[in-house]
Amino acid sequence: MTATSTATTPDVHPVFAAMAEATARGDFEALVELYHPDAEWARFQGVLRGRAEIREVLERYWALGVEFVSMDEYIHSGDTIMTRSTMSIKGTTEVAFGAYVVKDGMLWRIFGAVEGGAVSFW
């Protein structure tokens, strides 16, 4: 199934829905558990390998008090999710994009960045 988001299309991949729910309720541990133990997250700052490395970056990200502003684009097909969203980071509006591949019901391959490339707050 392929889905695209609009204000009236609530169809999102279950893993992405779980990410949004964990974030909305401030449940950091639930968020971390969504990452596969063998996950790899490719960023312009380098590749994170495994849940422990991802946890470290997510802790820094969480500490920034990032505020979600809007989901601008969303699509998923099978085990692949792609998003573009707007957020506020340290008072600055940033547009972020990401792609996620799901394996065993968890985030396995992650690619993401903010528009403009590597930034210092990461």
C-alpha atoms as a PDB file:
ATOM      1  CA  MET A   1       0.000   0.000   0.000  1.00  0.00           C
ATOM      2  CA  THR A   2       1.221   3.496  -0.788  1.00  0.00           C
ATOM      3  CA  ALA A   3      -0.058   6.453   1.168  1.00  0.00           C
ATOM      4  CA  THR A   4       0.471  10.165   0.897  1.00  0.00           C
ATOM      5  CA  SER A   5      -0.518  12.549   3.612  1.00  0.00           C
ATOM      6  CA  THR A   6      -2.943  15.394   3.431  1.00  0.00           C
ATOM      7  CA  ALA A   7      -5.029  16.953   6.169  1.00  0.00           C
ATOM      8  CA  THR A   8      -7.635  14.257   5.565  1.00  0.00           C
ATOM      9  CA  THR A   9      -5.373  11.214   5.068  1.00  0.00           C
ATOM     10  CA  PRO A  10      -4.551   9.597   8.412  1.00  0.00           C
ATOM     11  CA  ASP A  11      -2.959   6.489   6.830  1.00  0.00           C
ATOM     12  CA  VAL A  12       0.602   6.254   8.154  1.00  0.00           C
ATOM     13  CA  HIS A  13       2.923   3.309   8.619  1.00  0.00           C
ATOM     14  CA  PRO A  14       2.512   1.745  12.103  1.00  0.00           C
ATOM     15  CA  VAL A  15       6.180   2.364  13.000  1.00  0.00           C
ATOM     16  CA  PHE A  16       5.899   6.033  12.047  1.00  0.00           C
ATOM     17  CA  ALA A  17       2.678   6.320  14.048  1.00  0.00           C
ATOM     18  CA  ALA A  18       4.478   4.750  17.043  1.00  0.00           C
ATOM     19  CA  MET A  19       7.338   7.280  16.647  1.00  0.00           C
ATOM     20  CA  ALA A  20       4.877  10.164  16.671  1.00  0.00           C
ATOM     21  CA  GLU A  21       2.999   8.779  19.665  1.00  0.00           C
ATOM     22  CA  ALA A  22       6.160   8.153  21.720  1.00  0.00           C
ATOM     23  CA  THR A  23       7.414  11.640  20.941  1.00  0.00           C
ATOM     24  CA  ALA A  24       4.060  13.281  21.736  1.00  0.00           C
ATOM     25  CA  ARG A  25       3.874  11.643  25.159  1.00  0.00           C
ATOM     26  CA  GLY A  26       7.557  12.319  25.901  1.00  0.00           C
ATOM     27  CA  ASP A  27       8.420   8.617  26.127  1.00  0.00           C
ATOM     28  CA  PHE A  28      12.090   8.549  25.172  1.00  0.00           C
ATOM     29  CA  GLU A  29      12.565   4.852  25.965  1.00  0.00           C
ATOM     30  CA  ALA A  30       9.638   3.833  23.750  1.00  0.00           C
ATOM     31  CA  LEU A  31      11.147   5.903  20.940  1.00  0.00           C
ATOM     32  CA  VAL A  32      14.568   4.249  21.275  1.00  0.00           C
ATOM     33  CA  GLU A  33      12.990   0.771  21.284  1.00  0.00           C
ATOM     34  CA  LEU A  34      11.591   1.442  17.796  1.00  0.00           C
ATOM     35  CA  TYR A  35      15.138   1.259  16.381  1.00  0.00           C
ATOM     36  CA  HIS A  36      16.324  -2.186  15.322  1.00  0.00           C
ATOM     37  CA  PRO A  37      19.359  -3.400  17.325  1.00  0.00           C
ATOM     38  CA  ASP A  38      21.300  -3.475  14.014  1.00  0.00           C
ATOM     39  CA  ALA A  39      19.966  -0.128  12.781  1.00  0.00           C
ATOM     40  CA  GLU A  40      22.115   2.250  10.767  1.00  0.00           C
ATOM     41  CA  TRP A  41      21.340   5.953  10.513  1.00  0.00           C
ATOM     42  CA  ALA A  42      23.153   7.808   7.714  1.00  0.00           C
ATOM     43  CA  ARG A  43      23.543  11.532   8.388  1.00  0.00           C
ATOM     44  CA  PHE A  44      25.819  14.157   6.874  1.00  0.00           C
ATOM     45  CA  GLN A  45      27.688  14.116  10.195  1.00  0.00           C
ATOM     46  CA  GLY A  46      28.433  10.401   9.780  1.00  0.00           C
ATOM     47  CA  VAL A  47      26.784   7.018  10.091  1.00  0.00           C
ATOM     48  CA  LEU A  48      25.420   5.806  13.427  1.00  0.00           C
ATOM     49  CA  ARG A  49      25.521   2.047  13.889  1.00  0.00           C
ATOM     50  CA  GLY A  50      23.404   0.195  16.394  1.00  0.00           C
ATOM     51  CA  ARG A  51      20.854   1.256  18.954  1.00  0.00           C
ATOM     52  CA  ALA A  52      23.476   2.531  21.463  1.00  0.00           C
ATOM     53  CA  GLU A  53      24.965   5.089  19.036  1.00  0.00           C
ATOM     54  CA  ILE A  54      21.498   6.140  17.914  1.00  0.00           C
ATOM     55  CA  ARG A  55      20.429   6.539  21.552  1.00  0.00           C
ATOM     56  CA  GLU A  56      23.325   8.955  22.181  1.00  0.00           C
ATOM     57  CA  VAL A  57      22.298  11.211  19.294  1.00  0.00           C
ATOM     58  CA  LEU A  58      18.608  10.982  20.172  1.00  0.00           C
ATOM     59  CA  GLU A  59      19.439  12.062  23.747  1.00  0.00           C
ATOM     60  CA  ARG A  60      21.161  15.193  22.399  1.00  0.00           C
ATOM     61  CA  TYR A  61      18.272  15.789  19.991  1.00  0.00           C
ATOM     62  CA  TRP A  62      15.718  15.317  22.791  1.00  0.00           C
ATOM     63  CA  ALA A  63      17.633  17.774  25.029  1.00  0.00           C
ATOM     64  CA  LEU A  64      17.315  20.501  22.397  1.00  0.00           C
ATOM     65  CA  GLY A  65      13.592  20.682  23.046  1.00  0.00           C
ATOM     66  CA  VAL A  66      12.775  20.292  19.366  1.00  0.00           C
ATOM     67  CA  GLU A  67       9.229  21.347  18.611  1.00  0.00           C
ATOM     68  CA  PHE A  68       7.311  19.731  15.778  1.00  0.00           C
ATOM     69  CA  VAL A  69       5.613  22.372  13.610  1.00  0.00           C
ATOM     70  CA  SER A  70       4.132  20.476  10.655  1.00  0.00           C
ATOM     71  CA  MET A  71       4.310  17.338   8.557  1.00  0.00           C
ATOM     72  CA  ASP A  72       4.765  18.772   5.090  1.00  0.00           C
ATOM     73  CA  GLU A  73       5.064  15.584   3.051  1.00  0.00           C
ATOM     74  CA  TYR A  74       4.712  11.906   3.850  1.00  0.00           C
ATOM     75  CA  ILE A  75       4.644   8.753   1.788  1.00  0.00           C
ATOM     76  CA  HIS A  76       5.141   5.069   2.500  1.00  0.00           C
ATOM     77  CA  SER A  77       5.195   1.956   0.424  1.00  0.00           C
ATOM     78  CA  GLY A  78       5.696  -1.457   1.946  1.00  0.00           C
ATOM     79  CA  ASP A  79       8.652  -1.223   4.312  1.00  0.00           C
ATOM     80  CA  THR A  80       9.821   2.260   3.243  1.00  0.00           C
ATOM     81  CA  ILE A  81       8.743   5.629   4.674  1.00  0.00           C
ATOM     82  CA  MET A  82       9.766   9.095   3.451  1.00  0.00           C
ATOM     83  CA  THR A  83       8.970  12.382   5.176  1.00  0.00           C
ATOM     84  CA  ARG A  84       9.592  16.124   5.072  1.00  0.00           C
ATOM     85  CA  SER A  85       8.593  18.190   8.078  1.00  0.00           C
ATOM     86  CA  THR A  86       9.080  21.583   9.675  1.00  0.00           C
ATOM     87  CA  MET A  87      10.354  21.920  13.222  1.00  0.00           C
ATOM     88  CA  SER A  88      11.696  24.544  15.556  1.00  0.00           C
ATOM     89  CA  ILE A  89      15.153  23.869  16.975  1.00  0.00           C
ATOM     90  CA  LYS A  90      16.572  26.337  19.488  1.00  0.00           C
ATOM     91  CA  GLY A  91      14.189  28.987  18.132  1.00  0.00           C
ATOM     92  CA  THR A  92      15.162  28.426  14.501  1.00  0.00           C
ATOM     93  CA  THR A  93      12.754  26.966  11.959  1.00  0.00           C
ATOM     94  CA  GLU A  94      14.269  23.990  10.166  1.00  0.00           C
ATOM     95  CA  VAL A  95      12.932  21.757   7.411  1.00  0.00           C
ATOM     96  CA  ALA A  96      13.944  18.140   7.927  1.00  0.00           C
ATOM     97  CA  PHE A  97      13.666  15.166   5.643  1.00  0.00           C
ATOM     98  CA  GLY A  98      14.047  11.500   6.315  1.00  0.00           C
ATOM     99  CA  ALA A  99      13.706   8.069   4.816  1.00  0.00           C
ATOM    100  CA  TYR A 100      13.220   4.947   6.890  1.00  0.00           C
ATOM    101  CA  VAL A 101      13.361   1.270   6.010  1.00  0.00           C
ATOM    102  CA  VAL A 102      11.546  -1.047   8.407  1.00  0.00           C
ATOM    103  CA  LYS A 103      12.764  -4.537   9.294  1.00  0.00           C
ATOM    104  CA  ASP A 104      11.157  -6.850  11.851  1.00  0.00           C
ATOM    105  CA  GLY A 105       8.690  -4.066  12.691  1.00  0.00           C
ATOM    106  CA  MET A 106      11.496  -1.652  13.692  1.00  0.00           C
ATOM    107  CA  LEU A 107      13.470   1.160  12.082  1.00  0.00           C
ATOM    108  CA  TRP A 108      16.427  -0.504  10.398  1.00  0.00           C
ATOM    109  CA  ARG A 109      17.918   1.914   7.855  1.00  0.00           C
ATOM    110  CA  ILE A 110      17.453   5.613   8.452  1.00  0.00           C
ATOM    111  CA  PHE A 111      18.553   8.522   6.278  1.00  0.00           C
ATOM    112  CA  GLY A 112      17.893  12.058   7.396  1.00  0.00           C
ATOM    113  CA  ALA A 113      19.031  15.625   7.670  1.00  0.00           C
ATOM    114  CA  VAL A 114      17.825  19.169   7.799  1.00  0.00           C
ATOM    115  CA  GLU A 115      17.802  21.132   4.559  1.00  0.00           C
ATOM    116  CA  GLY A 116      21.079  22.946   4.236  1.00  0.00           C
ATOM    117  CA  GLY A 117      23.184  19.965   5.344  1.00  0.00           C
ATOM    118  CA  ALA A 118      25.124  19.338   8.549  1.00  0.00           C
ATOM    119  CA  VAL A 119      24.385  21.807  11.325  1.00  0.00           C
ATOM    120  CA  SER A 120      26.224  22.481  14.575  1.00  0.00           C
ATOM    121  CA  PHE A 121      23.433  21.612  17.032  1.00  0.00           C
ATOM    122  CA  TRP A 122      23.636  17.879  16.207  1.00  0.00           C
END
